[in-house]
N, C-alpha and C. Protein backbone atom coordinates (compact mmCIF):
# COMPACT_ATOMS: atom_id res chain seq x y z
N MET A 1 -11.79 18.57 -5.26
CA MET A 1 -11.12 17.43 -5.97
C MET A 1 -11.57 17.03 -7.30
N VAL A 2 -10.82 16.76 -8.22
CA VAL A 2 -11.26 16.33 -9.55
C VAL A 2 -10.88 14.93 -9.78
N GLY A 3 -9.74 14.43 -9.50
CA GLY A 3 -9.27 13.05 -9.98
C GLY A 3 -9.92 11.89 -9.08
N VAL A 4 -9.48 10.77 -9.57
CA VAL A 4 -9.98 9.44 -8.85
C VAL A 4 -8.68 9.10 -8.00
N ALA A 5 -9.03 8.41 -6.88
CA ALA A 5 -7.98 7.81 -6.17
C ALA A 5 -8.10 6.39 -6.00
N ILE A 6 -7.04 5.71 -6.35
CA ILE A 6 -7.08 4.19 -6.14
C ILE A 6 -6.08 3.83 -5.08
N ALA A 7 -6.55 3.20 -3.94
CA ALA A 7 -5.66 2.87 -2.89
C ALA A 7 -5.36 1.41 -3.12
N LEU A 8 -4.02 1.05 -3.11
CA LEU A 8 -3.69 -0.38 -3.32
C LEU A 8 -3.49 -0.91 -1.85
N VAL A 9 -4.08 -2.15 -1.79
CA VAL A 9 -3.91 -2.99 -0.43
C VAL A 9 -3.48 -4.30 -0.77
N GLY A 10 -2.87 -4.88 0.12
CA GLY A 10 -2.56 -6.38 -0.06
C GLY A 10 -1.39 -6.73 0.93
N MET A 11 -1.04 -8.00 1.11
CA MET A 11 -0.17 -8.49 2.03
C MET A 11 1.20 -8.15 1.40
N THR A 12 2.32 -8.16 2.12
CA THR A 12 3.65 -7.84 1.78
C THR A 12 4.02 -8.85 0.64
N LEU A 13 4.62 -8.30 -0.44
CA LEU A 13 5.13 -8.98 -1.51
C LEU A 13 4.03 -9.71 -2.45
N ALA A 14 2.78 -9.08 -2.24
CA ALA A 14 1.65 -9.49 -3.13
C ALA A 14 1.75 -8.95 -4.50
N GLY A 15 2.51 -7.80 -4.69
CA GLY A 15 2.78 -7.21 -6.05
C GLY A 15 2.14 -5.78 -6.09
N LYS A 16 1.91 -5.10 -5.16
CA LYS A 16 1.32 -3.83 -5.05
C LYS A 16 2.18 -2.72 -5.91
N THR A 17 3.59 -2.86 -5.74
CA THR A 17 4.47 -2.03 -6.66
C THR A 17 4.34 -2.22 -8.06
N GLU A 18 4.11 -3.47 -8.43
CA GLU A 18 3.87 -3.55 -9.93
C GLU A 18 2.65 -2.99 -10.26
N VAL A 19 1.53 -3.02 -9.55
CA VAL A 19 0.40 -2.45 -9.98
C VAL A 19 0.32 -0.92 -9.91
N SER A 20 1.15 -0.39 -8.93
CA SER A 20 1.34 1.11 -8.95
C SER A 20 2.19 1.61 -10.12
N ASN A 21 3.17 0.84 -10.51
CA ASN A 21 3.94 1.05 -11.73
C ASN A 21 3.05 1.16 -12.95
N PHE A 22 2.16 0.13 -12.99
CA PHE A 22 1.13 0.14 -14.14
C PHE A 22 0.40 1.42 -14.19
N LEU A 23 -0.18 1.77 -12.87
CA LEU A 23 -1.08 3.08 -12.94
C LEU A 23 -0.20 4.26 -13.23
N ARG A 24 0.95 4.34 -12.82
CA ARG A 24 2.07 5.52 -13.09
C ARG A 24 2.17 5.56 -14.59
N SER A 25 2.15 4.40 -15.22
CA SER A 25 2.47 4.44 -16.66
C SER A 25 1.18 5.04 -17.51
N ARG A 26 0.14 5.12 -16.65
CA ARG A 26 -1.26 5.62 -17.18
C ARG A 26 -1.40 7.04 -16.65
N ASP A 27 -0.40 7.77 -16.21
CA ASP A 27 -0.42 9.14 -15.82
C ASP A 27 -1.09 9.36 -14.46
N PHE A 28 -1.18 8.36 -13.60
CA PHE A 28 -1.49 8.42 -12.28
C PHE A 28 -0.36 9.13 -11.45
N ARG A 29 -0.65 10.10 -10.60
CA ARG A 29 0.27 10.68 -9.66
C ARG A 29 0.47 9.58 -8.67
N TYR A 30 1.59 9.51 -8.00
CA TYR A 30 1.91 8.45 -6.97
C TYR A 30 2.30 9.00 -5.65
N ILE A 31 1.71 8.26 -4.58
CA ILE A 31 2.15 8.55 -3.23
C ILE A 31 2.20 7.18 -2.52
N ARG A 32 3.39 7.02 -1.89
CA ARG A 32 3.41 5.77 -1.08
C ARG A 32 3.38 6.19 0.38
N LEU A 33 2.33 5.81 1.09
CA LEU A 33 2.00 6.31 2.39
C LEU A 33 3.02 6.20 3.26
N GLY A 34 3.87 5.12 3.28
CA GLY A 34 4.99 4.80 4.26
C GLY A 34 6.13 5.78 4.13
N ALA A 35 6.08 6.61 3.00
CA ALA A 35 7.31 7.50 2.90
C ALA A 35 7.36 8.56 3.94
N ILE A 36 6.15 8.71 4.64
CA ILE A 36 6.21 9.66 5.75
C ILE A 36 7.06 9.24 6.98
N THR A 37 7.12 7.91 7.01
CA THR A 37 7.92 7.49 8.17
C THR A 37 9.42 7.96 7.83
N GLU A 38 9.97 7.70 6.56
CA GLU A 38 11.27 8.20 6.36
C GLU A 38 11.63 9.71 6.49
N LYS A 39 10.46 10.47 6.03
CA LYS A 39 10.51 11.96 6.30
C LYS A 39 10.67 12.32 7.75
N LYS A 40 9.74 11.51 8.56
CA LYS A 40 9.80 12.00 10.06
C LYS A 40 11.08 11.53 10.59
N LEU A 41 11.75 10.46 10.29
CA LEU A 41 13.11 10.09 10.74
C LEU A 41 14.11 11.03 10.42
N ILE A 42 14.17 11.59 9.21
CA ILE A 42 15.00 12.79 8.86
C ILE A 42 14.69 13.93 9.69
N GLU A 43 13.62 14.24 9.77
CA GLU A 43 13.27 15.33 10.64
C GLU A 43 13.67 15.17 12.12
N ALA A 44 13.73 14.01 12.66
CA ALA A 44 14.26 13.80 13.99
C ALA A 44 15.64 13.48 14.10
N GLY A 45 16.34 13.45 12.93
CA GLY A 45 17.82 13.20 12.88
C GLY A 45 18.14 11.75 13.24
N LEU A 46 17.21 10.83 12.79
CA LEU A 46 17.59 9.33 13.00
C LEU A 46 17.79 8.68 11.85
N GLU A 47 18.70 7.71 11.96
CA GLU A 47 19.00 6.85 10.75
C GLU A 47 17.84 5.98 10.36
N ASN A 48 17.69 5.72 9.13
CA ASN A 48 16.58 4.97 8.69
C ASN A 48 16.98 3.28 8.65
N THR A 49 16.66 2.77 9.69
CA THR A 49 16.84 1.43 9.88
C THR A 49 15.46 0.67 10.27
N GLU A 50 15.41 -0.64 10.17
CA GLU A 50 14.04 -1.39 10.53
C GLU A 50 13.66 -1.03 11.95
N ALA A 51 14.62 -0.92 12.83
CA ALA A 51 14.37 -0.61 14.21
C ALA A 51 13.81 0.58 14.38
N THR A 52 14.44 1.78 13.91
CA THR A 52 13.95 3.08 13.94
C THR A 52 12.57 3.33 13.14
N ASN A 53 12.54 2.54 12.04
CA ASN A 53 11.33 2.55 11.37
C ASN A 53 10.08 2.10 12.16
N GLN A 54 10.17 1.05 12.77
CA GLN A 54 9.20 0.45 13.58
C GLN A 54 8.80 1.38 14.73
N ILE A 55 9.80 2.03 15.44
CA ILE A 55 9.59 3.02 16.41
C ILE A 55 8.83 4.03 15.94
N MET A 56 9.19 4.74 14.89
CA MET A 56 8.50 5.85 14.32
C MET A 56 6.99 5.48 13.91
N ARG A 57 6.90 4.36 13.24
CA ARG A 57 5.45 3.95 12.85
C ARG A 57 4.61 3.75 14.11
N LYS A 58 5.18 3.14 15.17
CA LYS A 58 4.26 3.07 16.41
C LYS A 58 4.08 4.47 16.91
N LYS A 59 5.06 5.36 16.99
CA LYS A 59 4.81 6.61 17.54
C LYS A 59 3.85 7.48 16.77
N LEU A 60 3.88 7.42 15.38
CA LEU A 60 3.03 8.18 14.62
C LEU A 60 1.57 7.68 14.91
N ARG A 61 1.35 6.44 15.03
CA ARG A 61 -0.07 5.78 15.26
C ARG A 61 -0.58 6.05 16.66
N GLU A 62 0.45 6.17 17.64
CA GLU A 62 0.03 6.39 19.04
C GLU A 62 -0.43 7.90 19.02
N GLU A 63 0.41 8.78 18.23
CA GLU A 63 0.02 10.27 18.47
C GLU A 63 -1.15 10.61 17.42
N TYR A 64 -1.37 10.10 16.21
CA TYR A 64 -2.36 10.50 15.33
C TYR A 64 -3.48 9.44 15.27
N GLY A 65 -3.33 8.26 15.77
CA GLY A 65 -4.43 7.20 15.63
C GLY A 65 -4.09 6.20 14.59
N MET A 66 -4.78 5.17 14.26
CA MET A 66 -4.52 4.20 13.26
C MET A 66 -4.76 4.68 11.90
N ASP A 67 -5.33 5.73 11.87
CA ASP A 67 -5.43 6.45 10.44
C ASP A 67 -4.35 7.37 10.32
N ALA A 68 -3.23 7.47 10.89
CA ALA A 68 -2.19 8.35 10.92
C ALA A 68 -1.68 8.60 9.52
N TYR A 69 -1.38 7.49 8.84
CA TYR A 69 -0.72 7.69 7.57
C TYR A 69 -1.71 8.31 6.54
N ALA A 70 -2.94 8.08 6.66
CA ALA A 70 -4.09 8.75 5.88
C ALA A 70 -4.03 10.29 6.26
N LYS A 71 -4.15 10.49 7.46
CA LYS A 71 -4.14 11.94 7.88
C LYS A 71 -2.85 12.70 7.52
N LEU A 72 -1.78 12.24 7.69
CA LEU A 72 -0.36 12.91 7.37
C LEU A 72 -0.32 12.92 5.91
N ASN A 73 -0.63 11.99 5.05
CA ASN A 73 -0.56 12.20 3.59
C ASN A 73 -1.67 12.83 2.92
N PHE A 74 -2.84 13.10 3.53
CA PHE A 74 -3.81 13.65 2.80
C PHE A 74 -3.74 14.95 2.25
N PRO A 75 -3.19 16.01 2.82
CA PRO A 75 -2.89 17.18 2.33
C PRO A 75 -2.24 17.17 0.91
N GLU A 76 -1.16 16.33 0.74
CA GLU A 76 -0.46 16.06 -0.51
C GLU A 76 -1.37 15.30 -1.44
N ILE A 77 -2.15 14.36 -1.01
CA ILE A 77 -3.10 13.77 -1.91
C ILE A 77 -4.24 14.67 -2.46
N GLU A 78 -4.63 15.50 -1.56
CA GLU A 78 -5.63 16.46 -2.01
C GLU A 78 -5.10 17.49 -3.16
N VAL A 79 -3.88 17.79 -3.13
CA VAL A 79 -3.24 18.82 -4.03
C VAL A 79 -3.18 17.89 -5.30
N MET A 80 -2.64 16.59 -5.30
CA MET A 80 -2.60 15.78 -6.42
C MET A 80 -3.79 15.53 -7.07
N LEU A 81 -4.91 15.26 -6.34
CA LEU A 81 -6.31 15.01 -6.90
C LEU A 81 -6.71 16.10 -7.65
N LYS A 82 -6.34 17.40 -7.46
CA LYS A 82 -6.71 18.54 -8.15
C LYS A 82 -6.09 18.55 -9.56
N LYS A 83 -5.02 17.90 -9.78
CA LYS A 83 -4.31 17.87 -11.05
C LYS A 83 -4.63 16.42 -11.80
N GLY A 84 -5.34 15.47 -11.19
CA GLY A 84 -5.56 14.34 -11.86
C GLY A 84 -5.83 13.21 -10.87
N ASP A 85 -5.56 11.91 -11.38
CA ASP A 85 -5.79 10.77 -10.66
C ASP A 85 -4.57 10.32 -9.95
N VAL A 86 -4.83 9.64 -8.83
CA VAL A 86 -3.71 9.32 -7.87
C VAL A 86 -3.86 7.82 -7.41
N VAL A 87 -2.60 7.34 -7.43
CA VAL A 87 -2.39 5.95 -6.88
C VAL A 87 -1.85 5.99 -5.56
N ILE A 88 -2.57 5.55 -4.47
CA ILE A 88 -2.02 5.47 -3.09
C ILE A 88 -1.59 4.10 -2.87
N ASP A 89 -0.15 4.06 -2.66
CA ASP A 89 0.53 2.71 -2.65
C ASP A 89 0.50 2.29 -1.07
N ASN A 90 0.01 1.16 -0.78
CA ASN A 90 0.22 0.47 0.41
C ASN A 90 -0.61 1.17 1.60
N MET A 91 -1.94 1.26 1.36
CA MET A 91 -2.85 1.59 2.40
C MET A 91 -2.95 0.35 3.38
N MET A 92 -2.72 0.66 4.63
CA MET A 92 -2.53 -0.51 5.54
C MET A 92 -3.86 -0.79 6.39
N SER A 93 -4.52 0.23 6.93
CA SER A 93 -5.50 -0.02 8.10
C SER A 93 -6.85 0.12 7.69
N TRP A 94 -7.85 -0.54 8.45
CA TRP A 94 -9.19 -0.23 8.32
C TRP A 94 -9.43 1.31 8.58
N SER A 95 -8.79 1.82 9.54
CA SER A 95 -9.08 3.22 9.91
C SER A 95 -8.57 4.21 8.74
N GLU A 96 -7.50 3.77 7.95
CA GLU A 96 -7.16 4.74 6.90
C GLU A 96 -8.20 4.59 5.72
N TYR A 97 -8.68 3.34 5.55
CA TYR A 97 -9.71 2.99 4.57
C TYR A 97 -10.82 3.90 4.87
N LYS A 98 -11.34 3.94 6.05
CA LYS A 98 -12.62 4.82 6.41
C LYS A 98 -12.30 6.24 6.35
N TYR A 99 -10.92 6.69 6.70
CA TYR A 99 -10.71 8.07 6.51
C TYR A 99 -10.85 8.63 5.03
N PHE A 100 -10.05 7.74 4.19
CA PHE A 100 -10.10 8.11 2.77
C PHE A 100 -11.51 8.04 2.04
N LYS A 101 -12.19 7.01 2.54
CA LYS A 101 -13.70 6.74 2.02
C LYS A 101 -14.43 8.15 2.38
N ALA A 102 -14.29 8.66 3.42
CA ALA A 102 -14.97 9.84 3.88
C ALA A 102 -14.60 11.13 3.26
N LYS A 103 -13.21 11.26 2.90
CA LYS A 103 -12.65 12.39 2.34
C LYS A 103 -12.59 12.52 0.82
N ILE A 104 -12.46 11.45 0.16
CA ILE A 104 -12.37 11.43 -1.23
C ILE A 104 -13.62 10.86 -1.98
N LYS A 105 -14.15 11.78 -2.89
CA LYS A 105 -15.40 11.43 -3.54
C LYS A 105 -15.27 10.16 -4.47
N LYS A 106 -14.25 10.28 -5.28
CA LYS A 106 -14.10 9.04 -6.20
C LYS A 106 -12.86 8.27 -5.67
N PHE A 107 -13.13 7.24 -4.74
CA PHE A 107 -12.23 6.53 -4.13
C PHE A 107 -12.35 5.07 -4.35
N PHE A 108 -11.54 4.33 -4.88
CA PHE A 108 -11.54 2.97 -5.19
C PHE A 108 -10.35 2.20 -4.31
N THR A 109 -10.60 1.02 -3.90
CA THR A 109 -9.59 0.19 -3.27
C THR A 109 -9.34 -1.05 -4.09
N VAL A 110 -8.15 -1.15 -4.45
CA VAL A 110 -7.84 -2.35 -5.28
C VAL A 110 -6.81 -3.23 -4.51
N ALA A 111 -7.28 -4.60 -4.16
CA ALA A 111 -6.48 -5.50 -3.55
C ALA A 111 -5.60 -6.22 -4.48
N VAL A 112 -4.36 -6.47 -4.13
CA VAL A 112 -3.42 -7.32 -4.97
C VAL A 112 -3.25 -8.66 -4.14
N TYR A 113 -3.59 -9.67 -4.64
CA TYR A 113 -3.62 -10.89 -4.06
C TYR A 113 -2.53 -11.79 -4.57
N ALA A 114 -1.77 -12.43 -3.72
CA ALA A 114 -0.91 -13.62 -3.91
C ALA A 114 -0.96 -14.48 -2.80
N PRO A 115 -0.99 -15.75 -3.01
CA PRO A 115 -0.96 -16.74 -1.78
C PRO A 115 0.23 -16.63 -0.98
N PRO A 116 0.17 -16.95 0.29
CA PRO A 116 1.33 -16.96 1.05
C PRO A 116 2.49 -17.66 0.50
N LYS A 117 2.40 -18.88 -0.09
CA LYS A 117 3.43 -19.72 -0.58
C LYS A 117 4.33 -18.82 -1.56
N ILE A 118 3.32 -18.10 -2.52
CA ILE A 118 4.21 -17.43 -3.59
C ILE A 118 4.88 -16.17 -2.94
N ARG A 119 4.14 -15.46 -2.00
CA ARG A 119 4.75 -14.33 -1.44
C ARG A 119 6.09 -14.80 -0.63
N TYR A 120 5.92 -15.82 0.00
CA TYR A 120 7.22 -16.19 0.83
C TYR A 120 8.33 -16.59 -0.09
N LEU A 121 8.17 -17.14 -1.21
CA LEU A 121 9.18 -17.45 -2.18
C LEU A 121 9.78 -16.01 -2.78
N ARG A 122 8.99 -14.97 -2.98
CA ARG A 122 9.37 -13.78 -3.21
C ARG A 122 10.27 -13.06 -2.20
N ALA A 123 10.02 -13.41 -0.95
CA ALA A 123 10.81 -12.81 0.26
C ALA A 123 12.21 -13.27 0.15
N GLU A 124 12.35 -14.39 -0.35
CA GLU A 124 13.85 -14.89 -0.54
C GLU A 124 14.73 -14.07 -1.34
N THR A 125 14.12 -13.43 -2.31
CA THR A 125 14.92 -12.73 -3.35
C THR A 125 14.75 -11.12 -3.15
N ARG A 126 14.02 -10.74 -2.19
CA ARG A 126 13.61 -9.18 -2.17
C ARG A 126 14.92 -8.52 -1.65
N GLU A 127 15.06 -7.42 -2.31
CA GLU A 127 16.31 -6.63 -2.12
C GLU A 127 16.00 -5.43 -1.17
N GLU A 128 14.70 -5.07 -1.03
CA GLU A 128 14.37 -3.83 -0.22
C GLU A 128 14.88 -4.02 1.14
N ARG A 129 15.58 -3.00 1.80
CA ARG A 129 16.12 -2.98 3.00
C ARG A 129 15.11 -3.44 4.18
N SER A 130 13.91 -2.85 4.19
CA SER A 130 13.03 -3.22 5.34
C SER A 130 12.49 -4.59 5.37
N THR A 131 12.41 -5.14 4.08
CA THR A 131 11.95 -6.58 4.12
C THR A 131 13.14 -7.52 4.35
N LYS A 132 14.25 -7.25 4.00
CA LYS A 132 15.48 -8.03 4.31
C LYS A 132 15.82 -7.92 5.70
N ASP A 133 15.71 -6.79 6.33
CA ASP A 133 16.01 -6.77 7.77
C ASP A 133 14.97 -7.45 8.63
N PHE A 134 13.67 -7.21 8.22
CA PHE A 134 12.57 -7.89 8.98
C PHE A 134 12.68 -9.34 8.99
N PHE A 135 13.01 -9.97 7.72
CA PHE A 135 12.97 -11.42 7.66
C PHE A 135 14.25 -11.97 8.28
N LYS A 136 15.23 -11.08 8.78
CA LYS A 136 16.37 -11.77 9.53
C LYS A 136 16.13 -12.15 10.82
N LYS A 137 14.90 -11.63 11.36
CA LYS A 137 14.47 -11.88 12.72
C LYS A 137 13.09 -12.60 12.86
N ASN A 138 12.33 -12.51 11.65
CA ASN A 138 11.13 -13.11 11.65
C ASN A 138 10.80 -13.89 10.43
N THR A 139 9.85 -14.82 10.46
CA THR A 139 9.48 -15.51 9.36
C THR A 139 8.36 -14.74 8.37
N PRO A 140 8.23 -14.95 7.20
CA PRO A 140 7.13 -14.31 6.45
C PRO A 140 5.85 -14.35 7.10
N ALA A 141 5.52 -15.48 7.57
CA ALA A 141 4.12 -15.81 8.22
C ALA A 141 4.04 -14.91 9.49
N GLU A 142 5.16 -14.82 10.24
CA GLU A 142 5.02 -13.86 11.40
C GLU A 142 4.84 -12.35 11.04
N ARG A 143 5.30 -12.02 9.88
CA ARG A 143 5.10 -10.50 9.39
C ARG A 143 3.69 -10.45 8.91
N ASP A 144 3.07 -11.60 8.38
CA ASP A 144 1.68 -11.51 7.96
C ASP A 144 0.62 -11.38 9.18
N TYR A 145 1.12 -12.22 10.16
CA TYR A 145 0.18 -12.27 11.35
C TYR A 145 0.19 -10.76 11.97
N SER A 146 1.40 -10.28 12.10
CA SER A 146 1.61 -8.98 12.65
C SER A 146 0.99 -7.86 11.97
N GLU A 147 0.88 -7.83 10.67
CA GLU A 147 0.22 -6.87 9.81
C GLU A 147 -1.30 -7.10 9.91
N ILE A 148 -1.85 -8.33 10.05
CA ILE A 148 -3.30 -8.50 10.14
C ILE A 148 -3.79 -8.14 11.49
N GLU A 149 -2.94 -8.60 12.59
CA GLU A 149 -3.47 -8.37 14.02
C GLU A 149 -3.30 -6.90 14.40
N ASN A 150 -2.13 -6.32 14.09
CA ASN A 150 -1.67 -5.14 14.73
C ASN A 150 -1.99 -3.98 13.87
N LEU A 151 -2.24 -4.17 12.47
CA LEU A 151 -2.39 -3.00 11.67
C LEU A 151 -3.67 -2.94 10.97
N GLU A 152 -4.64 -3.77 11.44
CA GLU A 152 -6.06 -3.82 10.83
C GLU A 152 -6.06 -4.16 9.43
N LYS A 153 -5.11 -4.82 8.80
CA LYS A 153 -4.79 -4.94 7.42
C LYS A 153 -5.88 -5.66 6.67
N GLY A 154 -6.64 -6.51 7.33
CA GLY A 154 -7.58 -7.43 6.64
C GLY A 154 -8.80 -6.70 6.15
N GLY A 155 -9.26 -5.67 6.85
CA GLY A 155 -10.42 -5.00 6.63
C GLY A 155 -10.49 -4.40 5.08
N PRO A 156 -9.40 -3.43 4.84
CA PRO A 156 -9.23 -3.07 3.48
C PRO A 156 -9.27 -4.03 2.28
N ILE A 157 -8.68 -5.04 2.76
CA ILE A 157 -8.42 -6.14 1.60
C ILE A 157 -9.84 -6.78 1.48
N ALA A 158 -10.68 -6.99 2.58
CA ALA A 158 -11.96 -7.63 2.29
C ALA A 158 -12.92 -6.67 1.70
N MET A 159 -12.73 -5.38 1.81
CA MET A 159 -13.67 -4.40 1.20
C MET A 159 -13.21 -3.94 -0.09
N ALA A 160 -12.30 -4.50 -0.74
CA ALA A 160 -11.68 -4.00 -2.06
C ALA A 160 -12.84 -3.89 -3.08
N ASP A 161 -12.73 -2.86 -3.84
CA ASP A 161 -13.63 -2.85 -4.99
C ASP A 161 -13.24 -3.79 -6.19
N TYR A 162 -11.90 -4.17 -6.16
CA TYR A 162 -11.49 -5.01 -7.18
C TYR A 162 -10.27 -5.73 -6.76
N THR A 163 -10.05 -6.88 -7.14
CA THR A 163 -8.93 -7.72 -6.60
C THR A 163 -8.08 -8.19 -7.92
N ILE A 164 -6.98 -7.92 -7.90
CA ILE A 164 -5.97 -8.33 -8.93
C ILE A 164 -5.27 -9.63 -8.45
N ASN A 165 -5.44 -10.67 -9.15
CA ASN A 165 -4.83 -11.96 -8.69
C ASN A 165 -3.51 -12.08 -9.29
N ASN A 166 -2.43 -12.06 -8.41
CA ASN A 166 -1.10 -12.18 -8.80
C ASN A 166 -0.38 -13.40 -8.11
N SER A 167 -1.20 -14.57 -8.54
CA SER A 167 -0.83 -15.82 -7.66
C SER A 167 0.12 -16.56 -8.62
N GLU A 168 0.52 -16.28 -9.71
CA GLU A 168 1.54 -16.99 -10.58
C GLU A 168 2.71 -16.12 -10.63
N GLN A 169 3.92 -16.74 -10.92
CA GLN A 169 5.02 -16.10 -11.10
C GLN A 169 5.04 -15.73 -12.65
N GLY A 170 5.62 -14.58 -12.98
CA GLY A 170 5.75 -14.20 -14.24
C GLY A 170 4.91 -12.92 -14.75
N LYS A 171 5.53 -12.12 -15.40
CA LYS A 171 5.00 -10.78 -15.71
C LYS A 171 3.89 -10.92 -16.72
N ALA A 172 3.84 -11.89 -17.66
CA ALA A 172 2.86 -11.91 -18.64
C ALA A 172 1.62 -12.25 -18.03
N ARG A 173 1.47 -13.14 -16.94
CA ARG A 173 0.15 -13.37 -16.34
C ARG A 173 -0.37 -12.05 -15.59
N LEU A 174 0.56 -11.44 -14.95
CA LEU A 174 0.11 -10.27 -14.25
C LEU A 174 -0.47 -9.14 -15.21
N GLN A 175 0.21 -9.16 -16.32
CA GLN A 175 -0.25 -8.10 -17.27
C GLN A 175 -1.65 -8.39 -17.69
N GLU A 176 -1.98 -9.70 -18.00
CA GLU A 176 -3.36 -9.98 -18.33
C GLU A 176 -4.23 -9.50 -17.16
N GLU A 177 -3.94 -9.88 -16.00
CA GLU A 177 -4.67 -9.26 -14.86
C GLU A 177 -4.88 -7.82 -14.78
N LEU A 178 -3.82 -7.13 -15.20
CA LEU A 178 -3.80 -5.62 -15.11
C LEU A 178 -4.74 -5.09 -16.37
N ASP A 179 -4.62 -5.83 -17.42
CA ASP A 179 -5.48 -5.45 -18.56
C ASP A 179 -7.00 -5.63 -18.20
N LYS A 180 -7.35 -6.72 -17.39
CA LYS A 180 -8.66 -6.84 -17.04
C LYS A 180 -9.15 -5.72 -15.95
N PHE A 181 -8.18 -5.41 -15.16
CA PHE A 181 -8.50 -4.42 -14.19
C PHE A 181 -8.71 -3.05 -14.85
N TRP A 182 -7.88 -2.77 -15.87
CA TRP A 182 -7.97 -1.47 -16.49
C TRP A 182 -9.37 -1.41 -17.22
N LYS A 183 -9.86 -2.47 -17.83
CA LYS A 183 -11.16 -2.30 -18.38
C LYS A 183 -12.22 -2.11 -17.42
N TRP A 184 -12.22 -2.73 -16.27
CA TRP A 184 -13.22 -2.49 -15.21
C TRP A 184 -13.02 -1.01 -14.76
N PHE A 185 -11.75 -0.61 -14.46
CA PHE A 185 -11.78 0.74 -14.03
C PHE A 185 -12.24 1.79 -15.01
N GLU A 186 -11.98 1.65 -16.31
CA GLU A 186 -12.42 2.50 -17.19
C GLU A 186 -14.08 2.66 -17.21
N HIS A 187 -14.64 1.31 -16.98
CA HIS A 187 -16.07 1.28 -16.86
C HIS A 187 -16.67 1.97 -15.65
N GLU A 188 -15.87 1.88 -14.51
CA GLU A 188 -16.42 2.30 -13.09
C GLU A 188 -16.01 3.75 -12.91
N ALA A 189 -14.99 4.17 -13.33
CA ALA A 189 -14.50 5.59 -13.27
C ALA A 189 -15.34 6.52 -14.04
């Protein structure tokens, strides 16, 4: 492997997509770990709904372990790393963190942080199907609790090599944070 891998971690609606777009604009190859769920649903001939998504995620973790998404996506990541740098969008679990840390020589974890109040405001305008469907039945806090308690999500955030603070609304402030992060990355990589 030649490239550097940056795994993005953070709670739902913290701004991971914005950070991945920033890295993509700097020629990072991109992989969203959760895309494997949609692929497996298609293979199984199932409609992609929040309910089928939850069932498939649970099935994959039962079959492969809590590092299922790392294991299932690693072959593609390995190919991408031979061509250059890779951003891994939305690494969820402590098990995934440990898997990638053991497999990828140049591996960084970057946490994207926004406080619950800000993220919950973002939830009100989110257009993504899975987020809208989830919040019809659950509060944003319930989603947070579920991700922390059931998906081991806190560990990778706590062990992040760098944290981008996306606490304020507005792209200008986030751009300042991204510029600081990029300087750090150029020094570390």
